[in-house]
Amino acid sequence: MGGAATSISTFVGSGSESNMLWFYTNNAPGLKISLTIVLAMSLCFIAFVAALHTFGKIYRAKARAGP
């Protein structure tokens, strides 16, 4: 039983080069955008979804009312 715990701790500690912190360094490949841009894009997406929801409700209410 003691060997299992040792193998798990060895597995967790190994591979330090491929951990999640590597994605947040300057050497990481990919698109580099600031946190402000990410926040602005997120808020725009939320506003777009809310607008679609509102327009859908208005369209459905007008369709039920009929001509």
N, C-alpha and C. Protein backbone atom coordinates (compact mmCIF):
# COMPACT_ATOMS: atom_id res chain seq x y z
N MET A 1 0.82 -1.20 0.00
CA MET A 1 0.00 0.00 0.00
C MET A 1 0.86 1.25 0.00
N GLY A 2 2.01 1.18 0.64
CA GLY A 2 2.88 2.35 0.68
C GLY A 2 3.46 2.68 -0.67
N GLY A 3 3.62 1.66 -1.52
CA GLY A 3 4.16 1.88 -2.85
C GLY A 3 3.21 2.67 -3.74
N ALA A 4 1.90 2.48 -3.55
CA ALA A 4 0.91 3.19 -4.36
C ALA A 4 0.96 4.68 -4.08
N ALA A 5 1.07 5.04 -2.82
CA ALA A 5 1.11 6.46 -2.47
C ALA A 5 2.38 7.11 -3.00
N THR A 6 3.48 6.37 -2.98
CA THR A 6 4.74 6.90 -3.48
C THR A 6 4.67 7.11 -4.99
N SER A 7 4.03 6.17 -5.71
CA SER A 7 3.95 6.30 -7.16
C SER A 7 3.05 7.46 -7.56
N ILE A 8 2.01 7.71 -6.79
CA ILE A 8 1.11 8.83 -7.10
C ILE A 8 1.83 10.15 -6.89
N SER A 9 2.55 10.29 -5.78
CA SER A 9 3.23 11.55 -5.53
C SER A 9 4.36 11.77 -6.55
N THR A 10 5.00 10.69 -7.00
CA THR A 10 6.03 10.82 -8.03
C THR A 10 5.40 11.26 -9.34
N PHE A 11 4.21 10.73 -9.65
CA PHE A 11 3.54 11.08 -10.90
C PHE A 11 3.11 12.54 -10.91
N VAL A 12 2.60 13.02 -9.78
CA VAL A 12 2.15 14.41 -9.70
C VAL A 12 3.34 15.36 -9.81
N GLY A 13 4.45 15.02 -9.21
CA GLY A 13 5.61 15.90 -9.22
C GLY A 13 6.37 15.85 -10.53
N SER A 14 6.19 14.81 -11.32
CA SER A 14 6.95 14.71 -12.57
C SER A 14 6.32 15.56 -13.65
N GLY A 15 7.10 15.86 -14.68
CA GLY A 15 6.59 16.63 -15.81
C GLY A 15 6.37 18.09 -15.50
N SER A 16 7.27 18.70 -14.76
CA SER A 16 7.08 20.09 -14.37
C SER A 16 7.16 21.04 -15.57
N GLU A 17 7.71 20.58 -16.69
CA GLU A 17 7.81 21.43 -17.87
C GLU A 17 6.46 21.59 -18.56
N SER A 18 5.55 20.67 -18.33
CA SER A 18 4.26 20.72 -19.03
C SER A 18 3.12 21.08 -18.08
N ASN A 19 3.35 21.97 -17.14
CA ASN A 19 2.27 22.35 -16.23
C ASN A 19 1.50 23.55 -16.79
N MET A 20 0.44 23.93 -16.09
CA MET A 20 -0.44 24.99 -16.59
C MET A 20 0.21 26.37 -16.57
N LEU A 21 1.21 26.57 -15.74
CA LEU A 21 1.85 27.88 -15.70
C LEU A 21 2.55 28.22 -17.00
N TRP A 22 2.88 27.22 -17.78
CA TRP A 22 3.56 27.47 -19.06
C TRP A 22 2.68 28.27 -20.00
N PHE A 23 1.36 28.14 -19.91
CA PHE A 23 0.46 28.87 -20.79
C PHE A 23 0.41 30.36 -20.47
N TYR A 24 0.86 30.75 -19.31
CA TYR A 24 0.78 32.14 -18.88
C TYR A 24 2.12 32.87 -18.93
N THR A 25 3.08 32.29 -19.59
CA THR A 25 4.38 32.94 -19.73
C THR A 25 4.46 33.68 -21.05
N ASN A 26 5.49 34.48 -21.22
CA ASN A 26 5.66 35.21 -22.47
C ASN A 26 6.10 34.31 -23.61
N ASN A 27 6.58 33.13 -23.30
CA ASN A 27 7.04 32.20 -24.34
C ASN A 27 5.92 31.35 -24.89
N ALA A 28 4.72 31.49 -24.40
CA ALA A 28 3.61 30.66 -24.83
C ALA A 28 3.18 31.06 -26.24
N PRO A 29 2.91 30.08 -27.10
CA PRO A 29 2.44 30.40 -28.45
C PRO A 29 0.98 30.83 -28.42
N GLY A 30 0.56 31.53 -29.43
CA GLY A 30 -0.85 31.90 -29.53
C GLY A 30 -1.07 33.39 -29.54
N LEU A 31 -2.32 33.75 -29.55
CA LEU A 31 -2.74 35.14 -29.62
C LEU A 31 -2.48 35.84 -28.29
N LYS A 32 -1.84 36.99 -28.34
CA LYS A 32 -1.56 37.75 -27.13
C LYS A 32 -2.54 38.93 -27.06
N ILE A 33 -3.48 38.86 -26.11
CA ILE A 33 -4.42 39.95 -25.91
C ILE A 33 -4.45 40.28 -24.42
N SER A 34 -4.74 41.52 -24.14
CA SER A 34 -4.73 41.97 -22.74
C SER A 34 -6.01 41.53 -22.03
N LEU A 35 -5.97 41.59 -20.71
CA LEU A 35 -7.14 41.22 -19.93
C LEU A 35 -8.30 42.18 -20.14
N THR A 36 -8.00 43.44 -20.45
CA THR A 36 -9.05 44.42 -20.70
C THR A 36 -9.85 44.05 -21.95
N ILE A 37 -9.15 43.60 -22.98
CA ILE A 37 -9.82 43.19 -24.22
C ILE A 37 -10.68 41.95 -23.96
N VAL A 38 -10.18 41.02 -23.18
CA VAL A 38 -10.96 39.81 -22.86
C VAL A 38 -12.22 40.19 -22.09
N LEU A 39 -12.09 41.10 -21.15
CA LEU A 39 -13.26 41.55 -20.39
C LEU A 39 -14.27 42.25 -21.29
N ALA A 40 -13.80 43.12 -22.17
CA ALA A 40 -14.70 43.83 -23.08
C ALA A 40 -15.41 42.86 -24.02
N MET A 41 -14.68 41.89 -24.54
CA MET A 41 -15.30 40.92 -25.44
C MET A 41 -16.33 40.07 -24.70
N SER A 42 -16.06 39.73 -23.45
CA SER A 42 -17.01 38.95 -22.66
C SER A 42 -18.28 39.74 -22.40
N LEU A 43 -18.13 41.01 -22.05
CA LEU A 43 -19.31 41.85 -21.82
C LEU A 43 -20.12 42.06 -23.09
N CYS A 44 -19.45 42.21 -24.22
CA CYS A 44 -20.16 42.33 -25.50
C CYS A 44 -20.93 41.05 -25.83
N PHE A 45 -20.34 39.90 -25.55
CA PHE A 45 -21.02 38.64 -25.79
C PHE A 45 -22.26 38.51 -24.91
N ILE A 46 -22.14 38.88 -23.65
CA ILE A 46 -23.28 38.82 -22.74
C ILE A 46 -24.38 39.76 -23.20
N ALA A 47 -24.02 40.96 -23.65
CA ALA A 47 -25.01 41.92 -24.15
C ALA A 47 -25.68 41.40 -25.42
N PHE A 48 -24.92 40.75 -26.29
CA PHE A 48 -25.47 40.20 -27.52
C PHE A 48 -26.48 39.09 -27.21
N VAL A 49 -26.16 38.22 -26.29
CA VAL A 49 -27.08 37.14 -25.92
C VAL A 49 -28.33 37.71 -25.26
N ALA A 50 -28.18 38.71 -24.43
CA ALA A 50 -29.34 39.34 -23.80
C ALA A 50 -30.22 40.02 -24.85
N ALA A 51 -29.61 40.66 -25.84
CA ALA A 51 -30.39 41.31 -26.92
C ALA A 51 -31.14 40.26 -27.74
N LEU A 52 -30.49 39.15 -28.06
CA LEU A 52 -31.18 38.09 -28.79
C LEU A 52 -32.36 37.55 -27.99
N HIS A 53 -32.18 37.40 -26.70
CA HIS A 53 -33.26 36.93 -25.84
C HIS A 53 -34.43 37.91 -25.86
N THR A 54 -34.12 39.19 -25.75
CA THR A 54 -35.17 40.21 -25.74
C THR A 54 -35.90 40.27 -27.08
N PHE A 55 -35.15 40.27 -28.18
CA PHE A 55 -35.77 40.32 -29.50
C PHE A 55 -36.62 39.07 -29.76
N GLY A 56 -36.17 37.93 -29.27
CA GLY A 56 -36.96 36.71 -29.42
C GLY A 56 -38.27 36.78 -28.68
N LYS A 57 -38.24 37.34 -27.48
CA LYS A 57 -39.48 37.49 -26.71
C LYS A 57 -40.44 38.45 -27.40
N ILE A 58 -39.92 39.54 -27.93
CA ILE A 58 -40.77 40.52 -28.62
C ILE A 58 -41.36 39.90 -29.88
N TYR A 59 -40.55 39.16 -30.63
CA TYR A 59 -41.01 38.52 -31.87
C TYR A 59 -42.10 37.49 -31.55
N ARG A 60 -41.91 36.72 -30.48
CA ARG A 60 -42.89 35.70 -30.12
C ARG A 60 -44.21 36.35 -29.65
N ALA A 61 -44.10 37.47 -28.94
CA ALA A 61 -45.30 38.16 -28.48
C ALA A 61 -46.08 38.74 -29.66
N LYS A 62 -45.38 39.25 -30.65
CA LYS A 62 -46.06 39.81 -31.83
C LYS A 62 -46.68 38.69 -32.68
N ALA A 63 -46.02 37.53 -32.73
CA ALA A 63 -46.55 36.42 -33.51
C ALA A 63 -47.82 35.86 -32.87
N ARG A 64 -47.92 35.86 -31.56
CA ARG A 64 -49.12 35.37 -30.88
C ARG A 64 -50.28 36.34 -31.04
N ALA A 65 -49.99 37.64 -31.12
CA ALA A 65 -51.05 38.64 -31.23
C ALA A 65 -51.78 38.52 -32.56
N GLY A 66 -51.05 38.09 -33.59
CA GLY A 66 -51.67 37.94 -34.90
C GLY A 66 -51.83 39.26 -35.62
N PRO A 67 -52.36 39.17 -36.84
CA PRO A 67 -52.52 40.40 -37.64
C PRO A 67 -53.64 41.30 -37.19
